[in-house]
Amino acid sequence: MAHDARVAVAAVARSRDIAALGIDVEPAEILPPDLLDIVATPQERLRLGDDPCGGRLLFVAKEAVYKAVYPLDQTFLDHHDVHVSLADRKATVRNGRVVELRFCVSAHLLALAFISKAGPGER
């Protein structure tokens, strides 16, 4: 579950299919440059290009990843502990865990992070 002053969102999944789930939402606004330095790694900044909301989308993705992985790993993460590829819709956490991402972009930016449970022989 996530919310701001105008929007509340929630996500649910079947525990047989999904090991972890995280969601975050933010207004579709430009992330201030001083916060972008805190949120984005140098590689991520290069990939943002000239998208005015790219930094905020990166922030939302990393927050959703944190919400998904904390219950599994019980580890606090800094923004630079999570590397996000918006193009690949994946994030990699410093311990090697890979998290799938999905986005919705409108007046708000929404990111859903999840870790699928692998079936037999699918690891």
PDB file of N, CA and C in Angstrom:
ATOM      1  N   MET A   1       0.835  -1.160   0.000  1.00  0.00           N
ATOM      2  CA  MET A   1       0.000   0.000   0.000  1.00  0.00           C
ATOM      3  C   MET A   1       0.892   1.239   0.000  1.00  0.00           C
ATOM      4  N   ALA A   2       0.450   2.267  -0.719  1.00  0.00           N
ATOM      5  CA  ALA A   2       1.174   3.536  -0.765  1.00  0.00           C
ATOM      6  C   ALA A   2       0.171   4.651  -1.000  1.00  0.00           C
ATOM      7  N   HIS A   3       0.536   5.866  -0.596  1.00  0.00           N
ATOM      8  CA  HIS A   3      -0.363   6.986  -0.805  1.00  0.00           C
ATOM      9  C   HIS A   3       0.405   8.296  -0.755  1.00  0.00           C
ATOM     10  N   ASP A   4      -0.231   9.318  -1.293  1.00  0.00           N
ATOM     11  CA  ASP A   4       0.213  10.691  -1.089  1.00  0.00           C
ATOM     12  C   ASP A   4      -1.027  11.491  -0.722  1.00  0.00           C
ATOM     13  N   ALA A   5      -0.985  12.791  -0.844  1.00  0.00           N
ATOM     14  CA  ALA A   5      -2.125  13.613  -0.442  1.00  0.00           C
ATOM     15  C   ALA A   5      -3.359  13.424  -1.323  1.00  0.00           C
ATOM     16  N   ARG A   6      -3.179  12.902  -2.560  1.00  0.00           N
ATOM     17  CA  ARG A   6      -4.311  12.801  -3.490  1.00  0.00           C
ATOM     18  C   ARG A   6      -4.661  11.386  -3.908  1.00  0.00           C
ATOM     19  N   VAL A   7      -3.730  10.455  -3.811  1.00  0.00           N
ATOM     20  CA  VAL A   7      -3.931   9.113  -4.364  1.00  0.00           C
ATOM     21  C   VAL A   7      -3.495   8.059  -3.353  1.00  0.00           C
ATOM     22  N   ALA A   8      -4.264   6.981  -3.296  1.00  0.00           N
ATOM     23  CA  ALA A   8      -3.881   5.803  -2.514  1.00  0.00           C
ATOM     24  C   ALA A   8      -3.920   4.602  -3.452  1.00  0.00           C
ATOM     25  N   VAL A   9      -2.932   3.739  -3.353  1.00  0.00           N
ATOM     26  CA  VAL A   9      -2.863   2.548  -4.195  1.00  0.00           C
ATOM     27  C   VAL A   9      -2.535   1.338  -3.327  1.00  0.00           C
ATOM     28  N   ALA A  10      -2.959   0.188  -3.796  1.00  0.00           N
ATOM     29  CA  ALA A  10      -2.659  -1.065  -3.109  1.00  0.00           C
ATOM     30  C   ALA A  10      -2.426  -2.127  -4.164  1.00  0.00           C
ATOM     31  N   ALA A  11      -1.669  -3.126  -3.813  1.00  0.00           N
ATOM     32  CA  ALA A  11      -1.414  -4.253  -4.709  1.00  0.00           C
ATOM     33  C   ALA A  11      -1.556  -5.542  -3.919  1.00  0.00           C
ATOM     34  N   VAL A  12      -2.107  -6.537  -4.565  1.00  0.00           N
ATOM     35  CA  VAL A  12      -2.237  -7.862  -3.969  1.00  0.00           C
ATOM     36  C   VAL A  12      -1.777  -8.890  -4.988  1.00  0.00           C
ATOM     37  N   ALA A  13      -1.346 -10.032  -4.486  1.00  0.00           N
ATOM     38  CA  ALA A  13      -0.904 -11.122  -5.361  1.00  0.00           C
ATOM     39  C   ALA A  13      -1.121 -12.438  -4.636  1.00  0.00           C
ATOM     40  N   ARG A  14      -1.153 -13.483  -5.400  1.00  0.00           N
ATOM     41  CA  ARG A  14      -1.268 -14.823  -4.811  1.00  0.00           C
ATOM     42  C   ARG A  14       0.103 -15.250  -4.294  1.00  0.00           C
ATOM     43  N   SER A  15       0.130 -15.706  -3.058  1.00  0.00           N
ATOM     44  CA  SER A  15       1.396 -16.103  -2.445  1.00  0.00           C
ATOM     45  C   SER A  15       2.019 -17.308  -3.139  1.00  0.00           C
ATOM     46  N   ARG A  16       1.237 -18.070  -3.852  1.00  0.00           N
ATOM     47  CA  ARG A  16       1.818 -19.200  -4.587  1.00  0.00           C
ATOM     48  C   ARG A  16       2.609 -18.728  -5.817  1.00  0.00           C
ATOM     49  N   ASP A  17       2.339 -17.494  -6.285  1.00  0.00           N
ATOM     50  CA  ASP A  17       3.003 -16.970  -7.476  1.00  0.00           C
ATOM     51  C   ASP A  17       4.070 -15.928  -7.169  1.00  0.00           C
ATOM     52  N   ILE A  18       3.868 -15.171  -6.111  1.00  0.00           N
ATOM     53  CA  ILE A  18       4.733 -14.026  -5.823  1.00  0.00           C
ATOM     54  C   ILE A  18       5.336 -14.174  -4.431  1.00  0.00           C
ATOM     55  N   ALA A  19       6.660 -14.058  -4.349  1.00  0.00           N
ATOM     56  CA  ALA A  19       7.362 -14.160  -3.067  1.00  0.00           C
ATOM     57  C   ALA A  19       7.357 -12.836  -2.317  1.00  0.00           C
ATOM     58  N   ALA A  20       7.335 -11.731  -3.044  1.00  0.00           N
ATOM     59  CA  ALA A  20       7.367 -10.419  -2.401  1.00  0.00           C
ATOM     60  C   ALA A  20       6.775  -9.383  -3.334  1.00  0.00           C
ATOM     61  N   LEU A  21       6.209  -8.331  -2.734  1.00  0.00           N
ATOM     62  CA  LEU A  21       5.515  -7.309  -3.500  1.00  0.00           C
ATOM     63  C   LEU A  21       5.709  -5.958  -2.814  1.00  0.00           C
ATOM     64  N   GLY A  22       6.000  -4.941  -3.605  1.00  0.00           N
ATOM     65  CA  GLY A  22       6.119  -3.588  -3.073  1.00  0.00           C
ATOM     66  C   GLY A  22       5.522  -2.610  -4.061  1.00  0.00           C
ATOM     67  N   ILE A  23       4.979  -1.516  -3.563  1.00  0.00           N
ATOM     68  CA  ILE A  23       4.351  -0.529  -4.430  1.00  0.00           C
ATOM     69  C   ILE A  23       4.650   0.865  -3.880  1.00  0.00           C
ATOM     70  N   ASP A  24       4.795   1.833  -4.771  1.00  0.00           N
ATOM     71  CA  ASP A  24       4.976   3.218  -4.349  1.00  0.00           C
ATOM     72  C   ASP A  24       4.332   4.138  -5.370  1.00  0.00           C
ATOM     73  N   VAL A  25       3.949   5.323  -4.931  1.00  0.00           N
ATOM     74  CA  VAL A  25       3.304   6.309  -5.798  1.00  0.00           C
ATOM     75  C   VAL A  25       3.797   7.701  -5.418  1.00  0.00           C
ATOM     76  N   GLU A  26       3.979   8.532  -6.413  1.00  0.00           N
ATOM     77  CA  GLU A  26       4.419   9.927  -6.235  1.00  0.00           C
ATOM     78  C   GLU A  26       3.785  10.763  -7.341  1.00  0.00           C
ATOM     79  N   PRO A  27       3.610  12.051  -7.093  1.00  0.00           N
ATOM     80  CA  PRO A  27       3.137  12.919  -8.179  1.00  0.00           C
ATOM     81  C   PRO A  27       4.142  12.930  -9.329  1.00  0.00           C
ATOM     82  N   ALA A  28       3.651  13.082 -10.546  1.00  0.00           N
ATOM     83  CA  ALA A  28       4.525  13.123 -11.735  1.00  0.00           C
ATOM     84  C   ALA A  28       5.161  14.506 -11.821  1.00  0.00           C
ATOM     85  N   GLU A  29       6.167  14.707 -11.002  1.00  0.00           N
ATOM     86  CA  GLU A  29       6.875  15.986 -10.934  1.00  0.00           C
ATOM     87  C   GLU A  29       8.374  15.742 -11.049  1.00  0.00           C
ATOM     88  N   ILE A  30       9.084  16.782 -11.392  1.00  0.00           N
ATOM     89  CA  ILE A  30      10.539  16.690 -11.498  1.00  0.00           C
ATOM     90  C   ILE A  30      11.132  16.500 -10.108  1.00  0.00           C
ATOM     91  N   LEU A  31      12.083  15.586 -10.007  1.00  0.00           N
ATOM     92  CA  LEU A  31      12.810  15.373  -8.767  1.00  0.00           C
ATOM     93  C   LEU A  31      13.876  16.464  -8.653  1.00  0.00           C
ATOM     94  N   PRO A  32      13.917  17.211  -7.560  1.00  0.00           N
ATOM     95  CA  PRO A  32      14.925  18.263  -7.427  1.00  0.00           C
ATOM     96  C   PRO A  32      16.342  17.711  -7.624  1.00  0.00           C
ATOM     97  N   PRO A  33      17.223  18.497  -8.255  1.00  0.00           N
ATOM     98  CA  PRO A  33      18.580  18.018  -8.560  1.00  0.00           C
ATOM     99  C   PRO A  33      19.346  17.493  -7.351  1.00  0.00           C
ATOM    100  N   ASP A  34      19.191  18.122  -6.180  1.00  0.00           N
ATOM    101  CA  ASP A  34      19.916  17.638  -5.004  1.00  0.00           C
ATOM    102  C   ASP A  34      19.423  16.259  -4.582  1.00  0.00           C
ATOM    103  N   LEU A  35      18.127  15.966  -4.766  1.00  0.00           N
ATOM    104  CA  LEU A  35      17.610  14.627  -4.465  1.00  0.00           C
ATOM    105  C   LEU A  35      18.014  13.622  -5.531  1.00  0.00           C
ATOM    106  N   LEU A  36      18.110  14.070  -6.774  1.00  0.00           N
ATOM    107  CA  LEU A  36      18.536  13.168  -7.845  1.00  0.00           C
ATOM    108  C   LEU A  36      19.929  12.623  -7.560  1.00  0.00           C
ATOM    109  N   ASP A  37      20.810  13.446  -7.016  1.00  0.00           N
ATOM    110  CA  ASP A  37      22.156  12.981  -6.650  1.00  0.00           C
ATOM    111  C   ASP A  37      22.104  11.892  -5.584  1.00  0.00           C
ATOM    112  N   ILE A  38      21.156  11.996  -4.670  1.00  0.00           N
ATOM    113  CA  ILE A  38      21.018  11.000  -3.603  1.00  0.00           C
ATOM    114  C   ILE A  38      20.413   9.707  -4.134  1.00  0.00           C
ATOM    115  N   VAL A  39      19.471   9.817  -5.059  1.00  0.00           N
ATOM    116  CA  VAL A  39      18.708   8.661  -5.540  1.00  0.00           C
ATOM    117  C   VAL A  39      19.437   7.884  -6.633  1.00  0.00           C
ATOM    118  N   ALA A  40      19.982   8.564  -7.619  1.00  0.00           N
ATOM    119  CA  ALA A  40      20.498   7.910  -8.834  1.00  0.00           C
ATOM    120  C   ALA A  40      21.997   7.650  -8.755  1.00  0.00           C
ATOM    121  N   THR A  41      22.379   6.461  -9.203  1.00  0.00           N
ATOM    122  CA  THR A  41      23.800   6.169  -9.382  1.00  0.00           C
ATOM    123  C   THR A  41      24.265   6.890 -10.650  1.00  0.00           C
ATOM    124  N   PRO A  42      25.573   7.058 -10.836  1.00  0.00           N
ATOM    125  CA  PRO A  42      26.045   7.705 -12.065  1.00  0.00           C
ATOM    126  C   PRO A  42      25.546   7.008 -13.336  1.00  0.00           C
ATOM    127  N   GLN A  43      25.513   5.675 -13.348  1.00  0.00           N
ATOM    128  CA  GLN A  43      25.029   4.944 -14.524  1.00  0.00           C
ATOM    129  C   GLN A  43      23.549   5.226 -14.768  1.00  0.00           C
ATOM    130  N   GLU A  44      22.761   5.272 -13.700  1.00  0.00           N
ATOM    131  CA  GLU A  44      21.330   5.546 -13.844  1.00  0.00           C
ATOM    132  C   GLU A  44      21.103   6.961 -14.372  1.00  0.00           C
ATOM    133  N   ARG A  45      21.887   7.915 -13.917  1.00  0.00           N
ATOM    134  CA  ARG A  45      21.728   9.303 -14.387  1.00  0.00           C
ATOM    135  C   ARG A  45      21.972   9.399 -15.883  1.00  0.00           C
ATOM    136  N   LEU A  46      22.957   8.641 -16.368  1.00  0.00           N
ATOM    137  CA  LEU A  46      23.248   8.658 -17.808  1.00  0.00           C
ATOM    138  C   LEU A  46      22.063   8.151 -18.617  1.00  0.00           C
ATOM    139  N   ARG A  47      21.339   7.181 -18.078  1.00  0.00           N
ATOM    140  CA  ARG A  47      20.227   6.565 -18.813  1.00  0.00           C
ATOM    141  C   ARG A  47      18.932   7.362 -18.741  1.00  0.00           C
ATOM    142  N   LEU A  48      18.861   8.337 -17.854  1.00  0.00           N
ATOM    143  CA  LEU A  48      17.621   9.109 -17.717  1.00  0.00           C
ATOM    144  C   LEU A  48      17.347  10.011 -18.911  1.00  0.00           C
ATOM    145  N   GLY A  49      18.408  10.452 -19.596  1.00  0.00           N
ATOM    146  CA  GLY A  49      18.226  11.319 -20.752  1.00  0.00           C
ATOM    147  C   GLY A  49      17.554  12.623 -20.351  1.00  0.00           C
ATOM    148  N   ASP A  50      16.638  13.088 -21.198  1.00  0.00           N
ATOM    149  CA  ASP A  50      15.983  14.365 -20.931  1.00  0.00           C
ATOM    150  C   ASP A  50      14.535  14.207 -20.442  1.00  0.00           C
ATOM    151  N   ASP A  51      14.179  13.026 -19.955  1.00  0.00           N
ATOM    152  CA  ASP A  51      12.842  12.800 -19.412  1.00  0.00           C
ATOM    153  C   ASP A  51      12.692  13.617 -18.126  1.00  0.00           C
ATOM    154  N   PRO A  52      11.787  14.597 -18.108  1.00  0.00           N
ATOM    155  CA  PRO A  52      11.678  15.452 -16.932  1.00  0.00           C
ATOM    156  C   PRO A  52      11.237  14.708 -15.664  1.00  0.00           C
ATOM    157  N   CYS A  53      10.517  13.604 -15.810  1.00  0.00           N
ATOM    158  CA  CYS A  53      10.055  12.845 -14.641  1.00  0.00           C
ATOM    159  C   CYS A  53      10.876  11.583 -14.399  1.00  0.00           C
ATOM    160  N   GLY A  54      11.944  11.395 -15.166  1.00  0.00           N
ATOM    161  CA  GLY A  54      12.749  10.180 -15.040  1.00  0.00           C
ATOM    162  C   GLY A  54      13.340   9.988 -13.655  1.00  0.00           C
ATOM    163  N   GLY A  55      13.825  11.052 -13.051  1.00  0.00           N
ATOM    164  CA  GLY A  55      14.395  10.950 -11.704  1.00  0.00           C
ATOM    165  C   GLY A  55      13.356  10.552 -10.682  1.00  0.00           C
ATOM    166  N   ARG A  56      12.153  11.126 -10.791  1.00  0.00           N
ATOM    167  CA  ARG A  56      11.075  10.781  -9.853  1.00  0.00           C
ATOM    168  C   ARG A  56      10.634   9.336 -10.069  1.00  0.00           C
ATOM    169  N   LEU A  57      10.585   8.877 -11.322  1.00  0.00           N
ATOM    170  CA  LEU A  57      10.216   7.490 -11.595  1.00  0.00           C
ATOM    171  C   LEU A  57      11.264   6.545 -11.012  1.00  0.00           C
ATOM    172  N   LEU A  58      12.520   6.908 -11.113  1.00  0.00           N
ATOM    173  CA  LEU A  58      13.596   6.115 -10.512  1.00  0.00           C
ATOM    174  C   LEU A  58      13.408   6.047  -8.993  1.00  0.00           C
ATOM    175  N   PHE A  59      13.078   7.163  -8.379  1.00  0.00           N
ATOM    176  CA  PHE A  59      12.826   7.205  -6.941  1.00  0.00           C
ATOM    177  C   PHE A  59      11.674   6.272  -6.564  1.00  0.00           C
ATOM    178  N   VAL A  60      10.571   6.358  -7.291  1.00  0.00           N
ATOM    179  CA  VAL A  60       9.397   5.527  -7.015  1.00  0.00           C
ATOM    180  C   VAL A  60       9.751   4.045  -7.156  1.00  0.00           C
ATOM    181  N   ALA A  61      10.508   3.707  -8.191  1.00  0.00           N
ATOM    182  CA  ALA A  61      10.910   2.311  -8.405  1.00  0.00           C
ATOM    183  C   ALA A  61      11.739   1.803  -7.234  1.00  0.00           C
ATOM    184  N   LYS A  62      12.703   2.598  -6.789  1.00  0.00           N
ATOM    185  CA  LYS A  62      13.573   2.159  -5.693  1.00  0.00           C
ATOM    186  C   LYS A  62      12.795   2.021  -4.387  1.00  0.00           C
ATOM    187  N   GLU A  63      11.843   2.887  -4.147  1.00  0.00           N
ATOM    188  CA  GLU A  63      11.010   2.763  -2.951  1.00  0.00           C
ATOM    189  C   GLU A  63      10.180   1.474  -3.010  1.00  0.00           C
ATOM    190  N   ALA A  64       9.628   1.157  -4.171  1.00  0.00           N
ATOM    191  CA  ALA A  64       8.843  -0.074  -4.319  1.00  0.00           C
ATOM    192  C   ALA A  64       9.726  -1.303  -4.129  1.00  0.00           C
ATOM    193  N   VAL A  65      10.944  -1.256  -4.658  1.00  0.00           N
ATOM    194  CA  VAL A  65      11.876  -2.381  -4.478  1.00  0.00           C
ATOM    195  C   VAL A  65      12.167  -2.575  -2.998  1.00  0.00           C
ATOM    196  N   TYR A  66      12.454  -1.491  -2.299  1.00  0.00           N
ATOM    197  CA  TYR A  66      12.731  -1.600  -0.861  1.00  0.00           C
ATOM    198  C   TYR A  66      11.567  -2.264  -0.136  1.00  0.00           C
ATOM    199  N   LYS A  67      10.348  -1.848  -0.449  1.00  0.00           N
ATOM    200  CA  LYS A  67       9.173  -2.418   0.203  1.00  0.00           C
ATOM    201  C   LYS A  67       9.014  -3.903  -0.111  1.00  0.00           C
ATOM    202  N   ALA A  68       9.449  -4.310  -1.299  1.00  0.00           N
ATOM    203  CA  ALA A  68       9.352  -5.731  -1.668  1.00  0.00           C
ATOM    204  C   ALA A  68      10.422  -6.570  -0.981  1.00  0.00           C
ATOM    205  N   VAL A  69      11.649  -6.079  -0.926  1.00  0.00           N
ATOM    206  CA  VAL A  69      12.742  -6.939  -0.442  1.00  0.00           C
ATOM    207  C   VAL A  69      12.973  -6.874   1.063  1.00  0.00           C
ATOM    208  N   TYR A  70      12.595  -5.797   1.722  1.00  0.00           N
ATOM    209  CA  TYR A  70      12.868  -5.720   3.157  1.00  0.00           C
ATOM    210  C   TYR A  70      12.268  -6.892   3.944  1.00  0.00           C
ATOM    211  N   PRO A  71      11.019  -7.279   3.709  1.00  0.00           N
ATOM    212  CA  PRO A  71      10.489  -8.419   4.466  1.00  0.00           C
ATOM    213  C   PRO A  71      11.273  -9.719   4.247  1.00  0.00           C
ATOM    214  N   LEU A  72      11.900  -9.871   3.099  1.00  0.00           N
ATOM    215  CA  LEU A  72      12.674 -11.082   2.817  1.00  0.00           C
ATOM    216  C   LEU A  72      14.072 -11.020   3.407  1.00  0.00           C
ATOM    217  N   ASP A  73      14.746  -9.880   3.258  1.00  0.00           N
ATOM    218  CA  ASP A  73      16.156  -9.770   3.624  1.00  0.00           C
ATOM    219  C   ASP A  73      16.400  -9.092   4.967  1.00  0.00           C
ATOM    220  N   GLN A  74      15.414  -8.346   5.470  1.00  0.00           N
ATOM    221  CA  GLN A  74      15.550  -7.611   6.727  1.00  0.00           C
ATOM    222  C   GLN A  74      16.799  -6.729   6.730  1.00  0.00           C
ATOM    223  N   THR A  75      17.065  -6.079   5.597  1.00  0.00           N
ATOM    224  CA  THR A  75      18.241  -5.229   5.440  1.00  0.00           C
ATOM    225  C   THR A  75      17.795  -3.849   4.987  1.00  0.00           C
ATOM    226  N   PHE A  76      18.293  -2.822   5.669  1.00  0.00           N
ATOM    227  CA  PHE A  76      18.022  -1.462   5.241  1.00  0.00           C
ATOM    228  C   PHE A  76      18.873  -1.155   4.017  1.00  0.00           C
ATOM    229  N   LEU A  77      18.285  -0.513   3.036  1.00  0.00           N
ATOM    230  CA  LEU A  77      18.977  -0.203   1.795  1.00  0.00           C
ATOM    231  C   LEU A  77      19.019   1.301   1.573  1.00  0.00           C
ATOM    232  N   ASP A  78      20.153   1.775   1.092  1.00  0.00           N
ATOM    233  CA  ASP A  78      20.246   3.139   0.592  1.00  0.00           C
ATOM    234  C   ASP A  78      19.822   3.120  -0.870  1.00  0.00           C
ATOM    235  N   HIS A  79      19.543   4.283  -1.428  1.00  0.00           N
ATOM    236  CA  HIS A  79      19.138   4.332  -2.835  1.00  0.00           C
ATOM    237  C   HIS A  79      20.206   3.754  -3.757  1.00  0.00           C
ATOM    238  N   HIS A  80      21.471   3.941  -3.435  1.00  0.00           N
ATOM    239  CA  HIS A  80      22.531   3.427  -4.299  1.00  0.00           C
ATOM    240  C   HIS A  80      22.762   1.924  -4.121  1.00  0.00           C
ATOM    241  N   ASP A  81      22.073   1.299  -3.178  1.00  0.00           N
ATOM    242  CA  ASP A  81      22.135  -0.157  -3.013  1.00  0.00           C
ATOM    243  C   ASP A  81      21.213  -0.874  -3.990  1.00  0.00           C
ATOM    244  N   VAL A  82      20.405  -0.116  -4.712  1.00  0.00           N
ATOM    245  CA  VAL A  82      19.467  -0.674  -5.686  1.00  0.00           C
ATOM    246  C   VAL A  82      19.785  -0.050  -7.041  1.00  0.00           C
ATOM    247  N   HIS A  83      20.068  -0.901  -8.027  1.00  0.00           N
ATOM    248  CA  HIS A  83      20.324  -0.408  -9.389  1.00  0.00           C
ATOM    249  C   HIS A  83      19.101  -0.728 -10.241  1.00  0.00           C
ATOM    250  N   VAL A  84      18.518   0.307 -10.837  1.00  0.00           N
ATOM    251  CA  VAL A  84      17.287   0.157 -11.615  1.00  0.00           C
ATOM    252  C   VAL A  84      17.574   0.345 -13.095  1.00  0.00           C
ATOM    253  N   SER A  85      17.043  -0.567 -13.901  1.00  0.00           N
ATOM    254  CA  SER A  85      17.017  -0.393 -15.351  1.00  0.00           C
ATOM    255  C   SER A  85      15.558  -0.192 -15.736  1.00  0.00           C
ATOM    256  N   LEU A  86      15.197   1.068 -15.983  1.00  0.00           N
ATOM    257  CA  LEU A  86      13.812   1.359 -16.368  1.00  0.00           C
ATOM    258  C   LEU A  86      13.471   0.675 -17.687  1.00  0.00           C
ATOM    259  N   ALA A  87      14.430   0.619 -18.619  1.00  0.00           N
ATOM    260  CA  ALA A  87      14.191   0.005 -19.935  1.00  0.00           C
ATOM    261  C   ALA A  87      13.931  -1.496 -19.812  1.00  0.00           C
ATOM    262  N   ASP A  88      14.665  -2.171 -18.926  1.00  0.00           N
ATOM    263  CA  ASP A  88      14.501  -3.620 -18.758  1.00  0.00           C
ATOM    264  C   ASP A  88      13.417  -3.981 -17.748  1.00  0.00           C
ATOM    265  N   ARG A  89      12.906  -2.965 -17.043  1.00  0.00           N
ATOM    266  CA  ARG A  89      11.902  -3.165 -15.997  1.00  0.00           C
ATOM    267  C   ARG A  89      12.389  -4.132 -14.932  1.00  0.00           C
ATOM    268  N   LYS A  90      13.650  -3.928 -14.509  1.00  0.00           N
ATOM    269  CA  LYS A  90      14.255  -4.762 -13.472  1.00  0.00           C
ATOM    270  C   LYS A  90      15.104  -3.907 -12.562  1.00  0.00           C
ATOM    271  N   ALA A  91      15.240  -4.378 -11.334  1.00  0.00           N
ATOM    272  CA  ALA A  91      16.151  -3.761 -10.376  1.00  0.00           C
ATOM    273  C   ALA A  91      17.006  -4.864  -9.783  1.00  0.00           C
ATOM    274  N   THR A  92      18.245  -4.528  -9.481  1.00  0.00           N
ATOM    275  CA  THR A  92      19.147  -5.470  -8.826  1.00  0.00           C
ATOM    276  C   THR A  92      19.589  -4.844  -7.507  1.00  0.00           C
ATOM    277  N   VAL A  93      19.406  -5.597  -6.443  1.00  0.00           N
ATOM    278  CA  VAL A  93      19.775  -5.152  -5.107  1.00  0.00           C
ATOM    279  C   VAL A  93      21.230  -5.548  -4.856  1.00  0.00           C
ATOM    280  N   ARG A  94      21.901  -4.858  -3.960  1.00  0.00           N
ATOM    281  CA  ARG A  94      23.327  -5.097  -3.711  1.00  0.00           C
ATOM    282  C   ARG A  94      23.664  -6.548  -3.370  1.00  0.00           C
ATOM    283  N   ASN A  95      22.707  -7.323  -2.846  1.00  0.00           N
ATOM    284  CA  ASN A  95      22.967  -8.735  -2.540  1.00  0.00           C
ATOM    285  C   ASN A  95      22.742  -9.642  -3.751  1.00  0.00           C
ATOM    286  N   GLY A  96      22.437  -9.056  -4.912  1.00  0.00           N
ATOM    287  CA  GLY A  96      22.230  -9.828  -6.130  1.00  0.00           C
ATOM    288  C   GLY A  96      20.786 -10.174  -6.425  1.00  0.00           C
ATOM    289  N   ARG A  97      19.895  -9.889  -5.506  1.00  0.00           N
ATOM    290  CA  ARG A  97      18.484 -10.197  -5.733  1.00  0.00           C
ATOM    291  C   ARG A  97      17.955  -9.354  -6.894  1.00  0.00           C
ATOM    292  N   VAL A  98      17.235  -9.991  -7.824  1.00  0.00           N
ATOM    293  CA  VAL A  98      16.658  -9.301  -8.975  1.00  0.00           C
ATOM    294  C   VAL A  98      15.153  -9.164  -8.737  1.00  0.00           C
ATOM    295  N   VAL A  99      14.658  -7.964  -8.982  1.00  0.00           N
ATOM    296  CA  VAL A  99      13.252  -7.642  -8.731  1.00  0.00           C
ATOM    297  C   VAL A  99      12.650  -7.143 -10.040  1.00  0.00           C
ATOM    298  N   GLU A 100      11.489  -7.658 -10.384  1.00  0.00           N
ATOM    299  CA  GLU A 100      10.757  -7.211 -11.572  1.00  0.00           C
ATOM    300  C   GLU A 100      10.040  -5.906 -11.251  1.00  0.00           C
ATOM    301  N   LEU A 101       9.913  -5.033 -12.247  1.00  0.00           N
ATOM    302  CA  LEU A 101       9.237  -3.748 -12.064  1.00  0.00           C
ATOM    303  C   LEU A 101       8.171  -3.538 -13.121  1.00  0.00           C
ATOM    304  N   ARG A 102       7.093  -2.894 -12.745  1.00  0.00           N
ATOM    305  CA  ARG A 102       6.070  -2.435 -13.668  1.00  0.00           C
ATOM    306  C   ARG A 102       5.726  -1.004 -13.277  1.00  0.00           C
ATOM    307  N   PHE A 103       5.364  -0.201 -14.265  1.00  0.00           N
ATOM    308  CA  PHE A 103       5.112   1.216 -14.028  1.00  0.00           C
ATOM    309  C   PHE A 103       3.784   1.646 -14.613  1.00  0.00           C
ATOM    310  N   CYS A 104       3.226   2.687 -14.026  1.00  0.00           N
ATOM    311  CA  CYS A 104       2.086   3.390 -14.571  1.00  0.00           C
ATOM    312  C   CYS A 104       2.427   4.869 -14.468  1.00  0.00           C
ATOM    313  N   VAL A 105       2.326   5.574 -15.585  1.00  0.00           N
ATOM    314  CA  VAL A 105       2.670   6.992 -15.610  1.00  0.00           C
ATOM    315  C   VAL A 105       1.454   7.777 -16.081  1.00  0.00           C
ATOM    316  N   SER A 106       0.996   8.679 -15.227  1.00  0.00           N
ATOM    317  CA  SER A 106      -0.108   9.587 -15.568  1.00  0.00           C
ATOM    318  C   SER A 106       0.131  10.865 -14.766  1.00  0.00           C
ATOM    319  N   ALA A 107      -0.878  11.387 -14.094  1.00  0.00           N
ATOM    320  CA  ALA A 107      -0.659  12.536 -13.220  1.00  0.00           C
ATOM    321  C   ALA A 107       0.187  12.137 -12.020  1.00  0.00           C
ATOM    322  N   HIS A 108       0.253  10.829 -11.781  1.00  0.00           N
ATOM    323  CA  HIS A 108       1.103  10.263 -10.743  1.00  0.00           C
ATOM    324  C   HIS A 108       1.989   9.200 -11.380  1.00  0.00           C
ATOM    325  N   LEU A 109       3.078   8.901 -10.706  1.00  0.00           N
ATOM    326  CA  LEU A 109       3.961   7.821 -11.124  1.00  0.00           C
ATOM    327  C   LEU A 109       3.776   6.689 -10.133  1.00  0.00           C
ATOM    328  N   LEU A 110       3.554   5.505 -10.644  1.00  0.00           N
ATOM    329  CA  LEU A 110       3.347   4.352  -9.795  1.00  0.00           C
ATOM    330  C   LEU A 110       4.328   3.276 -10.206  1.00  0.00           C
ATOM    331  N   ALA A 111       4.964   2.651  -9.229  1.00  0.00           N
ATOM    332  CA  ALA A 111       5.857   1.523  -9.507  1.00  0.00           C
ATOM    333  C   ALA A 111       5.428   0.337  -8.664  1.00  0.00           C
ATOM    334  N   LEU A 112       5.429  -0.818  -9.280  1.00  0.00           N
ATOM    335  CA  LEU A 112       5.139  -2.074  -8.622  1.00  0.00           C
ATOM    336  C   LEU A 112       6.390  -2.923  -8.745  1.00  0.00           C
ATOM    337  N   ALA A 113       6.895  -3.415  -7.632  1.00  0.00           N
ATOM    338  CA  ALA A 113       8.070  -4.276  -7.623  1.00  0.00           C
ATOM    339  C   ALA A 113       7.648  -5.639  -7.107  1.00  0.00           C
ATOM    340  N   PHE A 114       8.125  -6.690  -7.761  1.00  0.00           N
ATOM    341  CA  PHE A 114       7.743  -8.020  -7.293  1.00  0.00           C
ATOM    342  C   PHE A 114       8.819  -9.045  -7.603  1.00  0.00           C
ATOM    343  N   ILE A 115       8.805 -10.093  -6.803  1.00  0.00           N
ATOM    344  CA  ILE A 115       9.708 -11.220  -6.981  1.00  0.00           C
ATOM    345  C   ILE A 115       8.833 -12.438  -7.182  1.00  0.00           C
ATOM    346  N   SER A 116       8.929 -13.036  -8.366  1.00  0.00           N
ATOM    347  CA  SER A 116       8.125 -14.214  -8.674  1.00  0.00           C
ATOM    348  C   SER A 116       8.708 -15.442  -7.988  1.00  0.00           C
ATOM    349  N   LYS A 117       7.841 -16.355  -7.642  1.00  0.00           N
ATOM    350  CA  LYS A 117       8.294 -17.649  -7.142  1.00  0.00           C
ATOM    351  C   LYS A 117       8.576 -18.517  -8.366  1.00  0.00           C
ATOM    352  N   ALA A 118       9.749 -19.084  -8.416  1.00  0.00           N
ATOM    353  CA  ALA A 118      10.118 -19.954  -9.535  1.00  0.00           C
ATOM    354  C   ALA A 118       9.485 -21.322  -9.341  1.00  0.00           C
ATOM    355  N   GLY A 119       8.990 -21.866 -10.436  1.00  0.00           N
ATOM    356  CA  GLY A 119       8.455 -23.216 -10.392  1.00  0.00           C
ATOM    357  C   GLY A 119       9.594 -24.215 -10.418  1.00  0.00           C
ATOM    358  N   PRO A 120       9.305 -25.503 -10.324  1.00  0.00           N
ATOM    359  CA  PRO A 120      10.343 -26.527 -10.344  1.00  0.00           C
ATOM    360  C   PRO A 120      11.186 -26.418 -11.619  1.00  0.00           C
ATOM    361  N   GLY A 121      12.492 -26.335 -11.439  1.00  0.00           N
ATOM    362  CA  GLY A 121      13.412 -26.282 -12.561  1.00  0.00           C
ATOM    363  C   GLY A 121      13.495 -24.925 -13.249  1.00  0.00           C
ATOM    364  N   GLU A 122      12.909 -23.861 -12.681  1.00  0.00           N
ATOM    365  CA  GLU A 122      12.911 -22.555 -13.336  1.00  0.00           C
ATOM    366  C   GLU A 122      13.895 -21.566 -12.733  1.00  0.00           C
ATOM    367  N   ARG A 123      14.750 -21.950 -11.882  1.00  0.00           N
ATOM    368  CA  ARG A 123      15.673 -21.006 -11.244  1.00  0.00           C
ATOM    369  C   ARG A 123      16.672 -20.597 -12.213  1.00  0.00           C
TER     370      ARG A 123
END
